[in-house]
């Protein structure tokens, strides 16, 4: 059995792993990772987010697709922590989502907590289960499918 070891990744390391850049980096910090098992982190939701002007101007809520994307991004960090790859040569592509459910809104000022665990891993394909919460309230969940591929493809 693996002893649980808390690992904290700040935004600098996250940017080394993920190919995304502002405004599409949706993970601000990783607070705990157990390679090949699970990862925890969060995104601080701000009123300066580009989607606030249009979704919805008088009461902005974070689009569900962006919450799912945040789960996919932290899942990519978990894959990297489990089997490090050369991020300059490879990318993790989000292939699909199953069982997606949106339970509660996420608004500016919220700390969106992200949790992803490995369901299955074969070769370069990862099946993950993710949950996004705010102050313990489940906001979104789903099963994600992703694959690590060569950047030149």
Protein backbone atom coordinates (compact mmCIF):
# COMPACT_ATOMS: atom_id res chain seq x y z
CA UNK A 1 0.00 0.00 0.00
CA UNK A 2 1.29 3.46 -0.93
CA UNK A 3 1.76 5.82 1.97
CA UNK A 4 -0.11 9.01 1.12
CA UNK A 5 2.32 11.83 0.45
CA UNK A 6 1.06 15.36 0.04
CA UNK A 7 2.56 17.12 -2.97
CA UNK A 8 1.86 20.76 -3.73
CA UNK A 9 2.31 22.18 -7.23
CA UNK A 10 2.20 25.93 -7.75
CA UNK A 11 1.14 27.59 -11.00
CA UNK A 12 4.71 27.67 -12.41
CA UNK A 13 4.97 23.87 -12.41
CA UNK A 14 1.38 23.52 -13.64
CA UNK A 15 2.28 25.69 -16.66
CA UNK A 16 5.28 23.43 -17.37
CA UNK A 17 2.96 20.39 -17.52
CA UNK A 18 -0.14 21.81 -19.25
CA UNK A 19 -0.02 23.29 -22.75
CA UNK A 20 -2.84 25.74 -21.87
CA UNK A 21 -2.30 29.45 -21.27
CA UNK A 22 -4.44 32.33 -20.02
CA UNK A 23 -7.38 32.52 -20.19
CA UNK A 24 -7.68 28.77 -20.55
CA UNK A 25 -5.58 27.48 -17.64
CA UNK A 26 -8.27 26.29 -15.24
CA UNK A 27 -6.12 24.86 -12.43
CA UNK A 28 -4.44 27.29 -10.04
CA UNK A 29 -2.90 24.86 -7.59
CA UNK A 30 -2.44 21.14 -6.93
CA UNK A 31 -2.63 20.36 -3.22
CA UNK A 32 -2.28 16.58 -3.17
CA UNK A 33 -1.33 13.90 -5.66
CA UNK A 34 -0.92 10.15 -5.30
CA UNK A 35 0.56 8.94 -8.63
CA UNK A 36 -1.64 6.45 -10.49
CA UNK A 37 -4.43 6.99 -7.93
CA UNK A 38 -5.77 10.50 -7.36
CA UNK A 39 -5.19 14.25 -7.34
CA UNK A 40 -6.68 17.26 -5.57
CA UNK A 41 -6.39 20.92 -6.42
CA UNK A 42 -8.42 24.02 -7.05
CA UNK A 43 -9.30 26.97 -9.22
CA UNK A 44 -10.06 30.36 -7.72
CA UNK A 45 -13.03 31.71 -9.65
CA UNK A 46 -12.73 35.45 -10.23
CA UNK A 47 -15.09 38.17 -11.43
CA UNK A 48 -12.40 38.96 -14.04
CA UNK A 49 -12.99 35.67 -15.88
CA UNK A 50 -13.69 36.28 -19.59
CA UNK A 51 -16.98 34.32 -19.48
CA UNK A 52 -18.51 36.60 -16.78
CA UNK A 53 -19.55 39.25 -19.31
CA UNK A 54 -21.78 36.88 -21.22
CA UNK A 55 -22.73 33.97 -18.92
CA UNK A 56 -24.77 35.72 -17.45
CA UNK A 57 -24.00 39.47 -17.04
CA UNK A 58 -26.39 40.14 -14.14
CA UNK A 59 -25.58 36.86 -12.35
CA UNK A 60 -22.45 35.22 -13.75
CA UNK A 61 -22.13 31.45 -13.38
CA UNK A 62 -19.17 29.39 -14.54
CA UNK A 63 -20.13 27.38 -17.65
CA UNK A 64 -20.37 23.65 -16.98
CA UNK A 65 -18.07 22.87 -19.89
CA UNK A 66 -15.32 24.91 -18.21
CA UNK A 67 -15.80 23.01 -14.94
CA UNK A 68 -15.41 19.75 -16.86
CA UNK A 69 -12.34 21.19 -18.63
CA UNK A 70 -10.81 22.04 -15.24
CA UNK A 71 -11.30 18.40 -14.20
CA UNK A 72 -9.71 17.25 -17.48
CA UNK A 73 -6.73 19.55 -16.93
CA UNK A 74 -6.07 18.34 -13.40
CA UNK A 75 -6.50 14.78 -14.73
CA UNK A 76 -3.71 15.54 -17.22
CA UNK A 77 -1.50 16.64 -14.33
CA UNK A 78 -2.29 13.33 -12.57
CA UNK A 79 -1.27 11.38 -15.69
CA UNK A 80 1.98 13.36 -15.86
CA UNK A 81 2.67 12.77 -12.15
CA UNK A 82 1.99 9.04 -12.65
CA UNK A 83 4.07 8.53 -15.79
CA UNK A 84 6.06 11.68 -16.60
CA UNK A 85 6.24 12.48 -20.30
CA UNK A 86 8.14 15.14 -22.18
CA UNK A 87 5.55 17.92 -22.34
CA UNK A 88 7.43 19.50 -25.25
CA UNK A 89 6.90 16.29 -27.27
CA UNK A 90 3.54 15.00 -26.03
CA UNK A 91 0.08 16.30 -25.17
CA UNK A 92 -2.81 14.85 -23.27
CA UNK A 93 -6.01 15.07 -25.33
CA UNK A 94 -9.44 15.02 -23.73
CA UNK A 95 -11.36 12.33 -25.66
CA UNK A 96 -14.74 12.20 -24.00
CA UNK A 97 -17.00 12.49 -21.01
CA UNK A 98 -19.59 10.07 -19.67
CA UNK A 99 -22.07 10.44 -16.83
CA UNK A 100 -21.61 14.22 -16.65
CA UNK A 101 -23.91 15.87 -14.15
CA UNK A 102 -24.16 19.48 -13.05
CA UNK A 103 -25.55 19.84 -9.54
CA UNK A 104 -24.84 23.38 -8.32
CA UNK A 105 -23.71 26.70 -9.77
CA UNK A 106 -20.19 28.08 -9.45
CA UNK A 107 -19.90 31.86 -9.22
CA UNK A 108 -17.14 34.48 -8.96
CA UNK A 109 -15.55 34.39 -5.51
CA UNK A 110 -15.85 30.60 -5.22
CA UNK A 111 -12.91 28.29 -4.65
CA UNK A 112 -13.63 25.39 -7.02
CA UNK A 113 -12.14 22.25 -5.46
CA UNK A 114 -11.16 19.59 -8.00
CA UNK A 115 -10.75 15.88 -7.32
CA UNK A 116 -9.89 13.24 -9.91
CA UNK A 117 -9.16 9.54 -9.46
CA UNK A 118 -7.99 6.88 -11.88
CA UNK A 119 -10.61 4.32 -12.87
CA UNK A 120 -8.47 2.58 -15.48
CA UNK A 121 -5.15 3.12 -17.25
CA UNK A 122 -3.99 1.13 -20.26
CA UNK A 123 -1.07 2.13 -22.46
CA UNK A 124 -1.56 5.84 -23.23
CA UNK A 125 -5.31 5.96 -22.42
CA UNK A 126 -6.66 7.11 -19.07
CA UNK A 127 -10.19 6.75 -17.71
CA UNK A 128 -10.79 9.07 -14.77
CA UNK A 129 -13.61 9.98 -12.41
CA UNK A 130 -13.84 13.62 -11.36
CA UNK A 131 -15.79 15.79 -8.97
CA UNK A 132 -15.84 19.57 -8.60
CA UNK A 133 -17.10 21.03 -5.33
CA UNK A 134 -17.45 24.41 -3.63
CA UNK A 135 -17.31 24.37 0.18
CA UNK A 136 -18.19 20.66 0.16
CA UNK A 137 -21.19 21.04 -2.17
CA UNK A 138 -20.98 18.89 -5.29
CA UNK A 139 -21.18 21.13 -8.37
CA UNK A 140 -20.23 18.80 -11.23
CA UNK A 141 -19.06 15.25 -11.80
CA UNK A 142 -18.27 12.87 -14.61
CA UNK A 143 -16.05 10.19 -16.07
CA UNK A 144 -13.31 11.47 -18.37
CA UNK A 145 -11.40 9.71 -21.11
CA UNK A 146 -8.03 11.06 -22.22
CA UNK A 147 -4.97 9.96 -24.18
CA UNK A 148 -1.35 11.03 -24.35
CA UNK A 149 -0.30 11.61 -27.98
CA UNK A 150 2.68 12.99 -29.87
CA UNK A 151 2.48 16.74 -30.47
CA UNK A 152 3.28 16.27 -34.17
CA UNK A 153 0.10 14.31 -34.87
